[in-house]
Amino acid sequence: MKTSLDYTAHDRQIWEEELDAFVPRRIFDAHAHLFWHTHVPAGHPGRQVWCDADHAAHLRWAQRLYPHREVHFLYLGTPVTGIHVGRHNLFLRRQTQRDPRSRVNLLVTPACRIETIAAAVRHRGVIGLKPYRLFSRNGNPDTCRIHEFFTEPQLELANDLGLWVTMHLSRYWAAADPDNLRDLQEYTRRRYPRIKWILAHCARSFTYWPIRESIEKLRDLPNLYYDLSAVCDVRPFITLFRRENHRRIFWGSDGITPTFFRGGYFALGRSWVGIGPGDLERKQFAHCDGRPILAVYENLLAVKQAAEIAGYTRAQVEAIFWGNAEREFLRRQ
């Protein structure tokens, strides 16, 4: 499987007219995925869903998407059922070591042994773990609690070692779900105070409601951070930028497979849906210019517009794209 740089003149127009002056000269992409098809058994559908993406592919995309920028990455384990976790994590470690300023959160499932995780996180560049709801022991990735896909012994290990954990929240209301809020309050304040949490996708707020309902509680929790990856709706970012400390926010692309396609993730009331090329082919655009852009640019446009509305300074914008990650991931490694 190969990755292709599917980039059009319209994408370039959006970059040059809308984003070039906004995106800082240094970028730390705090949510990026590495994957190789041999990590999944032959015939498994995961081989078709995720495109091959090594460090070199990410650099090629970065050079095209953000010209003349210095870019480094926090690579995350890729959630595919049936994946060979050990083989995948070895690939992640080796690819991350190609760049002294990139880091990695290794994939962890409930089946991973504590001893194996402890040995893996000792390697250079490894700063944390990436559990995921698809591996939940309750059999339902849409309704599971955190401890059902990230076990208590694993939580204890992460706490003992002071690891980062990138958390894609489950349950219908994500950060606004009462059980998720209770668990995060219990974990951050009492049981696991040394874990540093990154709530992916603006605390999984692809629409305005979850972050609006939860921000007053989340912002009081220690060791809690957010990444902005994949969200294309400006409203969640307005809430986050106005009511959280900008020093707790990282930008991330969610590249390659989840966002380097033409389309995006769009809010429908309190729900949201991904719309890609196959959906757009059936639409008629007689009333406007119907050329869609890459989802990662939709994300960056929402970040830009929210920063303008929230009155962010240039220093604050540079912090979410680089400074916060440099402080947390690079200076402390």
C-alpha atoms as a PDB file:
ATOM      1  CA  MET A   1       0.000   0.000   0.000  1.00  0.00           C
ATOM      2  CA  LYS A   2       1.263   3.483  -0.902  1.00  0.00           C
ATOM      3  CA  THR A   3       0.318   6.949   0.267  1.00  0.00           C
ATOM      4  CA  SER A   4      -0.171   9.573  -2.441  1.00  0.00           C
ATOM      5  CA  LEU A   5       0.050  13.330  -2.133  1.00  0.00           C
ATOM      6  CA  ASP A   6      -3.431  14.127  -3.425  1.00  0.00           C
ATOM      7  CA  TYR A   7      -3.146  17.893  -3.395  1.00  0.00           C
ATOM      8  CA  THR A   8      -4.942  20.285  -5.733  1.00  0.00           C
ATOM      9  CA  ALA A   9      -4.649  23.874  -6.878  1.00  0.00           C
ATOM     10  CA  HIS A  10      -7.705  24.673  -4.745  1.00  0.00           C
ATOM     11  CA  ASP A  11      -5.973  23.305  -1.641  1.00  0.00           C
ATOM     12  CA  ARG A  12      -2.991  25.500  -2.474  1.00  0.00           C
ATOM     13  CA  GLN A  13      -5.285  28.540  -2.848  1.00  0.00           C
ATOM     14  CA  ILE A  14      -6.750  27.971   0.632  1.00  0.00           C
ATOM     15  CA  TRP A  15      -3.254  27.620   2.083  1.00  0.00           C
ATOM     16  CA  GLU A  16      -1.900  30.748   0.437  1.00  0.00           C
ATOM     17  CA  GLU A  17      -4.936  32.982   1.009  1.00  0.00           C
ATOM     18  CA  GLU A  18      -6.155  31.749   4.402  1.00  0.00           C
ATOM     19  CA  LEU A  19      -3.552  29.741   6.323  1.00  0.00           C
ATOM     20  CA  ASP A  20       0.007  30.662   5.375  1.00  0.00           C
ATOM     21  CA  ALA A  21       0.033  33.841   7.429  1.00  0.00           C
ATOM     22  CA  PHE A  22      -1.616  32.096  10.391  1.00  0.00           C
ATOM     23  CA  VAL A  23       0.272  28.812  10.836  1.00  0.00           C
ATOM     24  CA  PRO A  24       3.558  29.370  12.722  1.00  0.00           C
ATOM     25  CA  ARG A  25       6.980  28.544  11.307  1.00  0.00           C
ATOM     26  CA  ARG A  26       7.444  25.669  13.757  1.00  0.00           C
ATOM     27  CA  ILE A  27       4.790  22.979  14.171  1.00  0.00           C
ATOM     28  CA  PHE A  28       4.573  20.114  16.608  1.00  0.00           C
ATOM     29  CA  ASP A  29       1.835  17.789  15.373  1.00  0.00           C
ATOM     30  CA  ALA A  30       0.638  16.225  18.632  1.00  0.00           C
ATOM     31  CA  HIS A  31      -1.744  13.689  17.042  1.00  0.00           C
ATOM     32  CA  ALA A  32      -0.355  11.707  14.094  1.00  0.00           C
ATOM     33  CA  HIS A  33      -0.645   8.015  13.206  1.00  0.00           C
ATOM     34  CA  LEU A  34       1.926   5.577  11.900  1.00  0.00           C
ATOM     35  CA  PHE A  35       0.762   2.333  10.313  1.00  0.00           C
ATOM     36  CA  TRP A  36       1.987  -0.483   8.093  1.00  0.00           C
ATOM     37  CA  HIS A  37      -0.297  -3.089   6.572  1.00  0.00           C
ATOM     38  CA  THR A  38       1.866  -6.037   7.716  1.00  0.00           C
ATOM     39  CA  HIS A  39       0.860  -5.257  11.310  1.00  0.00           C
ATOM     40  CA  VAL A  40      -2.597  -6.674  10.527  1.00  0.00           C
ATOM     41  CA  PRO A  41      -3.338 -10.253   9.365  1.00  0.00           C
ATOM     42  CA  ALA A  42      -3.875 -10.786   5.647  1.00  0.00           C
ATOM     43  CA  GLY A  43      -7.532 -10.408   4.698  1.00  0.00           C
ATOM     44  CA  HIS A  44      -8.376  -8.286   7.734  1.00  0.00           C
ATOM     45  CA  PRO A  45     -10.396  -5.165   6.786  1.00  0.00           C
ATOM     46  CA  GLY A  46      -7.994  -2.932   8.719  1.00  0.00           C
ATOM     47  CA  ARG A  47      -5.492  -3.402   5.932  1.00  0.00           C
ATOM     48  CA  GLN A  48      -7.810  -1.503   3.619  1.00  0.00           C
ATOM     49  CA  VAL A  49      -9.031   1.208   6.006  1.00  0.00           C
ATOM     50  CA  TRP A  50      -5.625   2.596   6.987  1.00  0.00           C
ATOM     51  CA  CYS A  51      -3.021   3.576   4.408  1.00  0.00           C
ATOM     52  CA  ASP A  52       0.642   2.839   5.000  1.00  0.00           C
ATOM     53  CA  ALA A  53       2.249   5.777   6.806  1.00  0.00           C
ATOM     54  CA  ASP A  54       5.839   5.861   7.986  1.00  0.00           C
ATOM     55  CA  HIS A  55       7.862   8.871   9.166  1.00  0.00           C
ATOM     56  CA  ALA A  56       9.009   9.640   5.620  1.00  0.00           C
ATOM     57  CA  ALA A  57       5.394   9.776   4.406  1.00  0.00           C
ATOM     58  CA  HIS A  58       4.493  12.224   7.162  1.00  0.00           C
ATOM     59  CA  LEU A  59       7.398  14.444   6.190  1.00  0.00           C
ATOM     60  CA  ARG A  60       6.342  14.406   2.529  1.00  0.00           C
ATOM     61  CA  TRP A  61       2.822  15.413   3.490  1.00  0.00           C
ATOM     62  CA  ALA A  62       4.110  18.108   5.862  1.00  0.00           C
ATOM     63  CA  GLN A  63       6.249  19.646   3.136  1.00  0.00           C
ATOM     64  CA  ARG A  64       3.211  19.853   0.868  1.00  0.00           C
ATOM     65  CA  LEU A  65       0.627  20.910   3.471  1.00  0.00           C
ATOM     66  CA  TYR A  66       2.715  23.423   5.444  1.00  0.00           C
ATOM     67  CA  PRO A  67       5.487  24.678   3.127  1.00  0.00           C
ATOM     68  CA  HIS A  68       8.648  26.131   4.701  1.00  0.00           C
ATOM     69  CA  ARG A  69       7.713  24.888   8.192  1.00  0.00           C
ATOM     70  CA  GLU A  70       9.729  22.849  10.650  1.00  0.00           C
ATOM     71  CA  VAL A  71       7.477  19.940  11.670  1.00  0.00           C
ATOM     72  CA  HIS A  72       7.853  17.261  14.349  1.00  0.00           C
ATOM     73  CA  PHE A  73       5.345  14.737  15.670  1.00  0.00           C
ATOM     74  CA  LEU A  74       3.796  12.930  18.599  1.00  0.00           C
ATOM     75  CA  TYR A  75       3.039   9.617  16.926  1.00  0.00           C
ATOM     76  CA  LEU A  76       0.186   7.550  18.325  1.00  0.00           C
ATOM     77  CA  GLY A  77      -0.517   3.859  18.128  1.00  0.00           C
ATOM     78  CA  THR A  78      -3.129   3.169  15.461  1.00  0.00           C
ATOM     79  CA  PRO A  79      -6.350   1.465  16.633  1.00  0.00           C
ATOM     80  CA  VAL A  80      -7.137  -1.469  14.363  1.00  0.00           C
ATOM     81  CA  THR A  81      -8.802  -4.603  15.711  1.00  0.00           C
ATOM     82  CA  GLY A  82      -6.635  -7.632  15.054  1.00  0.00           C
ATOM     83  CA  ILE A  83      -3.420  -5.612  14.956  1.00  0.00           C
ATOM     84  CA  HIS A  84      -0.223  -7.258  16.202  1.00  0.00           C
ATOM     85  CA  VAL A  85       0.499  -4.808  19.027  1.00  0.00           C
ATOM     86  CA  GLY A  86       4.128  -5.788  19.590  1.00  0.00           C
ATOM     87  CA  ARG A  87       5.051  -5.549  15.915  1.00  0.00           C
ATOM     88  CA  HIS A  88       3.182  -2.270  15.552  1.00  0.00           C
ATOM     89  CA  ASN A  89       4.823  -0.682  18.607  1.00  0.00           C
ATOM     90  CA  LEU A  90       8.296  -1.750  17.466  1.00  0.00           C
ATOM     91  CA  PHE A  91       7.599  -0.017  14.138  1.00  0.00           C
ATOM     92  CA  LEU A  92       6.436   3.115  15.982  1.00  0.00           C
ATOM     93  CA  ARG A  93       9.569   3.229  18.109  1.00  0.00           C
ATOM     94  CA  ARG A  94      11.924   2.740  15.177  1.00  0.00           C
ATOM     95  CA  GLN A  95      10.176   5.324  13.023  1.00  0.00           C
ATOM     96  CA  THR A  96      10.110   7.898  15.831  1.00  0.00           C
ATOM     97  CA  GLN A  97      13.843   7.490  16.387  1.00  0.00           C
ATOM     98  CA  ARG A  98      14.433   8.837  12.874  1.00  0.00           C
ATOM     99  CA  ASP A  99      13.694  12.289  14.296  1.00  0.00           C
ATOM    100  CA  PRO A 100      15.279  13.304  17.629  1.00  0.00           C
ATOM    101  CA  ARG A 101      12.485  15.838  18.223  1.00  0.00           C
ATOM    102  CA  SER A 102       9.522  13.530  17.612  1.00  0.00           C
ATOM    103  CA  ARG A 103       7.886  11.412  20.317  1.00  0.00           C
ATOM    104  CA  VAL A 104       5.535   8.432  20.537  1.00  0.00           C
ATOM    105  CA  ASN A 105       2.614   7.142  22.634  1.00  0.00           C
ATOM    106  CA  LEU A 106       2.544   3.376  22.164  1.00  0.00           C
ATOM    107  CA  LEU A 107      -0.624   1.404  21.482  1.00  0.00           C
ATOM    108  CA  VAL A 108      -1.973  -0.459  24.492  1.00  0.00           C
ATOM    109  CA  THR A 109      -4.951  -2.821  24.735  1.00  0.00           C
ATOM    110  CA  PRO A 110      -6.423  -4.606  27.763  1.00  0.00           C
ATOM    111  CA  ALA A 111      -4.534  -7.740  26.645  1.00  0.00           C
ATOM    112  CA  CYS A 112      -1.112  -6.050  26.967  1.00  0.00           C
ATOM    113  CA  ARG A 113       0.948  -7.308  29.900  1.00  0.00           C
ATOM    114  CA  ILE A 114       2.265  -4.779  32.396  1.00  0.00           C
ATOM    115  CA  GLU A 115       5.807  -6.109  32.101  1.00  0.00           C
ATOM    116  CA  THR A 116       5.753  -5.691  28.307  1.00  0.00           C
ATOM    117  CA  ILE A 117       4.474  -2.118  28.540  1.00  0.00           C
ATOM    118  CA  ALA A 118       7.045  -1.215  31.216  1.00  0.00           C
ATOM    119  CA  ALA A 119       9.893  -2.516  29.042  1.00  0.00           C
ATOM    120  CA  ALA A 120       8.645  -0.723  25.924  1.00  0.00           C
ATOM    121  CA  VAL A 121       8.280   2.713  27.495  1.00  0.00           C
ATOM    122  CA  ARG A 122      11.941   2.739  28.564  1.00  0.00           C
ATOM    123  CA  HIS A 123      13.057   3.303  24.975  1.00  0.00           C
ATOM    124  CA  ARG A 124      14.172   6.724  23.788  1.00  0.00           C
ATOM    125  CA  GLY A 125      11.359   8.892  22.445  1.00  0.00           C
ATOM    126  CA  VAL A 126       8.540   6.978  24.162  1.00  0.00           C
ATOM    127  CA  ILE A 127       6.586   9.292  26.456  1.00  0.00           C
ATOM    128  CA  GLY A 128       3.243   7.576  26.903  1.00  0.00           C
ATOM    129  CA  LEU A 129       0.431   5.296  25.857  1.00  0.00           C
ATOM    130  CA  LYS A 130      -2.506   5.260  23.452  1.00  0.00           C
ATOM    131  CA  PRO A 131      -5.421   3.093  24.648  1.00  0.00           C
ATOM    132  CA  TYR A 132      -8.517   3.006  22.483  1.00  0.00           C
ATOM    133  CA  ARG A 133     -12.182   2.196  22.895  1.00  0.00           C
ATOM    134  CA  LEU A 134     -12.239  -0.324  20.008  1.00  0.00           C
ATOM    135  CA  PHE A 135     -10.502  -2.783  22.319  1.00  0.00           C
ATOM    136  CA  SER A 136     -13.004  -2.410  25.170  1.00  0.00           C
ATOM    137  CA  ARG A 137     -13.636  -5.460  27.319  1.00  0.00           C
ATOM    138  CA  ASN A 138     -17.344  -4.629  27.532  1.00  0.00           C
ATOM    139  CA  GLY A 139     -17.744  -5.413  23.842  1.00  0.00           C
ATOM    140  CA  ASN A 140     -19.247  -2.051  22.955  1.00  0.00           C
ATOM    141  CA  PRO A 141     -16.764   0.671  21.938  1.00  0.00           C
ATOM    142  CA  ASP A 142     -19.535   3.286  21.901  1.00  0.00           C
ATOM    143  CA  THR A 143     -20.590   2.963  25.542  1.00  0.00           C
ATOM    144  CA  CYS A 144     -17.476   1.797  27.399  1.00  0.00           C
ATOM    145  CA  ARG A 145     -15.927   3.474  30.420  1.00  0.00           C
ATOM    146  CA  ILE A 146     -12.226   4.339  30.451  1.00  0.00           C
ATOM    147  CA  HIS A 147     -11.239   1.413  32.704  1.00  0.00           C
ATOM    148  CA  GLU A 148     -12.906  -1.007  30.283  1.00  0.00           C
ATOM    149  CA  PHE A 149     -10.306  -0.327  27.589  1.00  0.00           C
ATOM    150  CA  PHE A 150      -7.456   0.972  29.767  1.00  0.00           C
ATOM    151  CA  THR A 151      -7.170  -1.400  32.706  1.00  0.00           C
ATOM    152  CA  GLU A 152      -6.494  -0.422  36.291  1.00  0.00           C
ATOM    153  CA  PRO A 153      -3.071  -2.155  36.369  1.00  0.00           C
ATOM    154  CA  GLN A 154      -2.159  -0.207  33.215  1.00  0.00           C
ATOM    155  CA  LEU A 155      -3.407   3.003  34.790  1.00  0.00           C
ATOM    156  CA  GLU A 156      -1.292   2.280  37.864  1.00  0.00           C
ATOM    157  CA  LEU A 157       1.793   1.708  35.731  1.00  0.00           C
ATOM    158  CA  ALA A 158       1.200   4.927  33.793  1.00  0.00           C
ATOM    159  CA  ASN A 159       0.860   6.760  37.101  1.00  0.00           C
ATOM    160  CA  ASP A 160       4.002   5.217  38.575  1.00  0.00           C
ATOM    161  CA  LEU A 161       6.030   6.242  35.514  1.00  0.00           C
ATOM    162  CA  GLY A 162       4.367   9.632  35.014  1.00  0.00           C
ATOM    163  CA  LEU A 163       3.348   8.831  31.432  1.00  0.00           C
ATOM    164  CA  TRP A 164       1.270  10.785  28.942  1.00  0.00           C
ATOM    165  CA  VAL A 165      -1.992   9.181  27.835  1.00  0.00           C
ATOM    166  CA  THR A 166      -3.839  10.307  24.723  1.00  0.00           C
ATOM    167  CA  MET A 167      -7.490   9.556  25.418  1.00  0.00           C
ATOM    168  CA  HIS A 168     -10.246   9.361  22.795  1.00  0.00           C
ATOM    169  CA  LEU A 169     -13.276   9.378  25.083  1.00  0.00           C
ATOM    170  CA  SER A 170     -16.112   6.955  24.484  1.00  0.00           C
ATOM    171  CA  ARG A 171     -19.831   7.274  25.314  1.00  0.00           C
ATOM    172  CA  TYR A 172     -22.350   9.351  23.390  1.00  0.00           C
ATOM    173  CA  TRP A 173     -21.660  12.683  25.109  1.00  0.00           C
ATOM    174  CA  ALA A 174     -17.877  12.250  25.437  1.00  0.00           C
ATOM    175  CA  ALA A 175     -16.534  14.876  27.866  1.00  0.00           C
ATOM    176  CA  ALA A 176     -20.076  15.799  28.912  1.00  0.00           C
ATOM    177  CA  ASP A 177     -20.918  12.232  29.927  1.00  0.00           C
ATOM    178  CA  PRO A 178     -21.362  12.076  33.742  1.00  0.00           C
ATOM    179  CA  ASP A 179     -19.415   8.805  34.074  1.00  0.00           C
ATOM    180  CA  ASN A 180     -16.509  10.128  32.030  1.00  0.00           C
ATOM    181  CA  LEU A 181     -16.406  13.296  34.106  1.00  0.00           C
ATOM    182  CA  ARG A 182     -16.520  11.365  37.369  1.00  0.00           C
ATOM    183  CA  ASP A 183     -13.759   9.036  36.176  1.00  0.00           C
ATOM    184  CA  LEU A 184     -11.510  11.896  35.069  1.00  0.00           C
ATOM    185  CA  GLN A 185     -12.056  13.713  38.352  1.00  0.00           C
ATOM    186  CA  GLU A 186     -11.245  10.553  40.330  1.00  0.00           C
ATOM    187  CA  TYR A 187      -8.198   9.710  38.234  1.00  0.00           C
ATOM    188  CA  THR A 188      -6.617  13.177  38.061  1.00  0.00           C
ATOM    189  CA  ARG A 189      -7.262  14.287  41.633  1.00  0.00           C
ATOM    190  CA  ARG A 190      -6.920  11.092  43.625  1.00  0.00           C
ATOM    191  CA  ARG A 191      -6.016   7.715  42.135  1.00  0.00           C
ATOM    192  CA  TYR A 192      -3.562   8.544  39.324  1.00  0.00           C
ATOM    193  CA  PRO A 193      -2.299  12.092  39.867  1.00  0.00           C
ATOM    194  CA  ARG A 194       0.951  11.607  37.911  1.00  0.00           C
ATOM    195  CA  ILE A 195      -0.674  10.639  34.591  1.00  0.00           C
ATOM    196  CA  LYS A 196      -0.757  13.496  32.087  1.00  0.00           C
ATOM    197  CA  TRP A 197      -3.899  13.231  29.985  1.00  0.00           C
ATOM    198  CA  ILE A 198      -4.427  14.575  26.465  1.00  0.00           C
ATOM    199  CA  LEU A 199      -8.125  14.570  25.600  1.00  0.00           C
ATOM    200  CA  ALA A 200      -8.084  14.043  21.845  1.00  0.00           C
ATOM    201  CA  HIS A 201     -10.279  15.975  19.413  1.00  0.00           C
ATOM    202  CA  CYS A 202     -11.051  18.842  21.811  1.00  0.00           C
ATOM    203  CA  ALA A 203     -12.221  16.291  24.401  1.00  0.00           C
ATOM    204  CA  ARG A 204     -14.038  14.559  21.515  1.00  0.00           C
ATOM    205  CA  SER A 205     -16.136  17.634  20.894  1.00  0.00           C
ATOM    206  CA  PHE A 206     -16.785  17.557  17.167  1.00  0.00           C
ATOM    207  CA  THR A 207     -19.828  19.666  17.902  1.00  0.00           C
ATOM    208  CA  TYR A 208     -20.378  22.478  20.373  1.00  0.00           C
ATOM    209  CA  TRP A 209     -22.236  20.649  23.130  1.00  0.00           C
ATOM    210  CA  PRO A 210     -19.797  18.311  24.947  1.00  0.00           C
ATOM    211  CA  ILE A 211     -17.109  20.919  25.608  1.00  0.00           C
ATOM    212  CA  ARG A 212     -19.636  23.619  26.469  1.00  0.00           C
ATOM    213  CA  GLU A 213     -21.237  21.370  29.077  1.00  0.00           C
ATOM    214  CA  SER A 214     -17.985  20.097  30.594  1.00  0.00           C
ATOM    215  CA  ILE A 215     -15.425  22.897  30.359  1.00  0.00           C
ATOM    216  CA  GLU A 216     -16.097  24.359  33.825  1.00  0.00           C
ATOM    217  CA  LYS A 217     -15.181  21.008  35.396  1.00  0.00           C
ATOM    218  CA  LEU A 218     -12.406  19.996  33.020  1.00  0.00           C
ATOM    219  CA  ARG A 219     -10.442  23.214  33.398  1.00  0.00           C
ATOM    220  CA  ASP A 220     -10.136  22.645  37.161  1.00  0.00           C
ATOM    221  CA  LEU A 221      -8.570  19.192  36.770  1.00  0.00           C
ATOM    222  CA  PRO A 222      -4.786  18.869  37.105  1.00  0.00           C
ATOM    223  CA  ASN A 223      -2.565  17.335  34.409  1.00  0.00           C
ATOM    224  CA  LEU A 224      -5.267  17.660  31.762  1.00  0.00           C
ATOM    225  CA  TYR A 225      -4.554  18.810  28.207  1.00  0.00           C
ATOM    226  CA  TYR A 226      -6.354  18.824  24.855  1.00  0.00           C
ATOM    227  CA  ASP A 227      -5.448  18.301  21.227  1.00  0.00           C
ATOM    228  CA  LEU A 228      -7.401  19.983  18.432  1.00  0.00           C
ATOM    229  CA  SER A 229      -7.139  17.220  15.850  1.00  0.00           C
ATOM    230  CA  ALA A 230      -9.804  16.558  13.182  1.00  0.00           C
ATOM    231  CA  VAL A 231     -12.504  18.883  14.583  1.00  0.00           C
ATOM    232  CA  CYS A 232     -13.835  21.088  11.764  1.00  0.00           C
ATOM    233  CA  ASP A 233     -16.491  23.071  13.671  1.00  0.00           C
ATOM    234  CA  VAL A 234     -15.348  26.462  14.967  1.00  0.00           C
ATOM    235  CA  ARG A 235     -17.750  26.465  17.955  1.00  0.00           C
ATOM    236  CA  PRO A 236     -15.977  23.915  20.207  1.00  0.00           C
ATOM    237  CA  PHE A 237     -12.711  25.791  19.715  1.00  0.00           C
ATOM    238  CA  ILE A 238     -14.296  29.118  20.657  1.00  0.00           C
ATOM    239  CA  THR A 239     -15.414  27.632  23.969  1.00  0.00           C
ATOM    240  CA  LEU A 240     -12.038  25.996  24.596  1.00  0.00           C
ATOM    241  CA  PHE A 241      -9.967  29.060  23.683  1.00  0.00           C
ATOM    242  CA  ARG A 242     -12.077  31.459  25.708  1.00  0.00           C
ATOM    243  CA  ARG A 243     -12.466  29.336  28.830  1.00  0.00           C
ATOM    244  CA  GLU A 244      -9.324  27.206  29.093  1.00  0.00           C
ATOM    245  CA  ASN A 245      -5.676  28.048  29.631  1.00  0.00           C
ATOM    246  CA  HIS A 246      -4.012  28.113  26.216  1.00  0.00           C
ATOM    247  CA  ARG A 247      -0.955  26.444  27.774  1.00  0.00           C
ATOM    248  CA  ARG A 248      -2.951  23.205  27.987  1.00  0.00           C
ATOM    249  CA  ILE A 249      -3.741  22.991  24.258  1.00  0.00           C
ATOM    250  CA  PHE A 250      -1.829  21.232  21.465  1.00  0.00           C
ATOM    251  CA  TRP A 251      -2.556  21.213  17.765  1.00  0.00           C
ATOM    252  CA  GLY A 252      -2.614  17.863  15.952  1.00  0.00           C
ATOM    253  CA  SER A 253      -3.447  16.792  12.412  1.00  0.00           C
ATOM    254  CA  ASP A 254      -4.789  13.242  12.979  1.00  0.00           C
ATOM    255  CA  GLY A 255      -2.888  12.407   9.791  1.00  0.00           C
ATOM    256  CA  ILE A 256      -2.588  10.556   7.605  1.00  0.00           C
ATOM    257  CA  THR A 257      -5.673   8.438   6.974  1.00  0.00           C
ATOM    258  CA  PRO A 258      -8.281  10.216   9.190  1.00  0.00           C
ATOM    259  CA  THR A 259      -7.844  13.753   7.816  1.00  0.00           C
ATOM    260  CA  PHE A 260      -5.791  13.864   4.622  1.00  0.00           C
ATOM    261  CA  PHE A 261      -8.873  13.330   2.480  1.00  0.00           C
ATOM    262  CA  ARG A 262     -11.206  15.755   0.744  1.00  0.00           C
ATOM    263  CA  GLY A 263     -14.117  16.432   3.101  1.00  0.00           C
ATOM    264  CA  GLY A 264     -14.322  16.773   6.867  1.00  0.00           C
ATOM    265  CA  TYR A 265     -16.212  16.147  10.102  1.00  0.00           C
ATOM    266  CA  PHE A 266     -19.367  18.212  10.369  1.00  0.00           C
ATOM    267  CA  ALA A 267     -21.770  18.984  13.210  1.00  0.00           C
ATOM    268  CA  LEU A 268     -25.470  18.163  12.995  1.00  0.00           C
ATOM    269  CA  GLY A 269     -26.941  19.617  16.156  1.00  0.00           C
ATOM    270  CA  ARG A 270     -25.375  17.683  19.026  1.00  0.00           C
ATOM    271  CA  SER A 271     -24.175  14.946  16.690  1.00  0.00           C
ATOM    272  CA  TRP A 272     -21.521  14.880  13.984  1.00  0.00           C
ATOM    273  CA  VAL A 273     -20.590  12.883  10.918  1.00  0.00           C
ATOM    274  CA  GLY A 274     -17.614  12.407   8.645  1.00  0.00           C
ATOM    275  CA  ILE A 275     -18.194  13.317   4.984  1.00  0.00           C
ATOM    276  CA  GLY A 276     -15.695  12.112   2.427  1.00  0.00           C
ATOM    277  CA  PRO A 277     -15.221  11.968  -1.341  1.00  0.00           C
ATOM    278  CA  GLY A 278     -17.785   9.213  -1.839  1.00  0.00           C
ATOM    279  CA  ASP A 279     -20.474  11.310  -0.148  1.00  0.00           C
ATOM    280  CA  LEU A 280     -19.557  14.462  -2.022  1.00  0.00           C
ATOM    281  CA  GLU A 281     -19.730  12.844  -5.442  1.00  0.00           C
ATOM    282  CA  ARG A 282     -23.499  12.585  -5.011  1.00  0.00           C
ATOM    283  CA  LYS A 283     -23.947  16.261  -4.144  1.00  0.00           C
ATOM    284  CA  GLN A 284     -24.810  19.085  -6.526  1.00  0.00           C
ATOM    285  CA  PHE A 285     -23.016  22.433  -6.188  1.00  0.00           C
ATOM    286  CA  ALA A 286     -24.678  24.599  -8.824  1.00  0.00           C
ATOM    287  CA  HIS A 287     -25.008  27.471  -6.337  1.00  0.00           C
ATOM    288  CA  CYS A 288     -21.339  27.706  -5.278  1.00  0.00           C
ATOM    289  CA  ASP A 289     -17.776  26.569  -5.893  1.00  0.00           C
ATOM    290  CA  GLY A 290     -18.125  22.905  -5.013  1.00  0.00           C
ATOM    291  CA  ARG A 291     -14.454  21.963  -4.812  1.00  0.00           C
ATOM    292  CA  PRO A 292     -13.883  20.494  -1.326  1.00  0.00           C
ATOM    293  CA  ILE A 293     -10.557  20.857   0.448  1.00  0.00           C
ATOM    294  CA  LEU A 294      -8.605  18.515   2.679  1.00  0.00           C
ATOM    295  CA  ALA A 295     -10.122  17.860   6.099  1.00  0.00           C
ATOM    296  CA  VAL A 296      -6.901  18.938   7.798  1.00  0.00           C
ATOM    297  CA  TYR A 297      -7.349  22.373   6.200  1.00  0.00           C
ATOM    298  CA  GLU A 298     -10.969  22.485   7.396  1.00  0.00           C
ATOM    299  CA  ASN A 299      -9.567  21.872  10.867  1.00  0.00           C
ATOM    300  CA  LEU A 300      -6.948  24.594  10.531  1.00  0.00           C
ATOM    301  CA  LEU A 301      -9.533  27.101   9.277  1.00  0.00           C
ATOM    302  CA  ALA A 302     -11.688  26.415  12.351  1.00  0.00           C
ATOM    303  CA  VAL A 303      -8.668  26.848  14.642  1.00  0.00           C
ATOM    304  CA  LYS A 304      -7.776  30.119  12.922  1.00  0.00           C
ATOM    305  CA  GLN A 305     -11.279  31.564  13.100  1.00  0.00           C
ATOM    306  CA  ALA A 306     -11.718  30.562  16.747  1.00  0.00           C
ATOM    307  CA  ALA A 307      -8.361  32.124  17.634  1.00  0.00           C
ATOM    308  CA  GLU A 308      -9.470  35.369  15.994  1.00  0.00           C
ATOM    309  CA  ILE A 309     -12.825  35.362  17.800  1.00  0.00           C
ATOM    310  CA  ALA A 310     -11.190  34.520  21.148  1.00  0.00           C
ATOM    311  CA  GLY A 311      -8.671  37.326  20.691  1.00  0.00           C
ATOM    312  CA  TYR A 312      -5.603  35.106  20.794  1.00  0.00           C
ATOM    313  CA  THR A 313      -2.267  36.859  20.516  1.00  0.00           C
ATOM    314  CA  ARG A 314       0.424  35.656  18.139  1.00  0.00           C
ATOM    315  CA  ALA A 315       2.282  34.196  21.129  1.00  0.00           C
ATOM    316  CA  GLN A 316      -0.758  32.139  22.129  1.00  0.00           C
ATOM    317  CA  VAL A 317      -1.162  30.765  18.601  1.00  0.00           C
ATOM    318  CA  GLU A 318       2.517  29.816  18.512  1.00  0.00           C
ATOM    319  CA  ALA A 319       2.126  28.111  21.890  1.00  0.00           C
ATOM    320  CA  ILE A 320      -0.592  25.725  20.709  1.00  0.00           C
ATOM    321  CA  PHE A 321       1.322  24.856  17.531  1.00  0.00           C
ATOM    322  CA  TRP A 322       4.782  24.587  19.083  1.00  0.00           C
ATOM    323  CA  GLY A 323       5.589  26.114  22.460  1.00  0.00           C
ATOM    324  CA  ASN A 324       3.388  23.947  24.646  1.00  0.00           C
ATOM    325  CA  ALA A 325       4.675  20.743  23.048  1.00  0.00           C
ATOM    326  CA  GLU A 326       8.269  21.935  23.280  1.00  0.00           C
ATOM    327  CA  ARG A 327       7.817  22.621  26.996  1.00  0.00           C
ATOM    328  CA  GLU A 328       6.038  19.367  27.794  1.00  0.00           C
ATOM    329  CA  PHE A 329       7.524  16.799  25.387  1.00  0.00           C
ATOM    330  CA  LEU A 330      10.994  18.042  24.461  1.00  0.00           C
ATOM    331  CA  ARG A 331      12.494  19.849  27.414  1.00  0.00           C
ATOM    332  CA  ARG A 332      11.401  17.171  29.893  1.00  0.00           C
ATOM    333  CA  GLN A 333      12.425  14.042  27.957  1.00  0.00           C
END
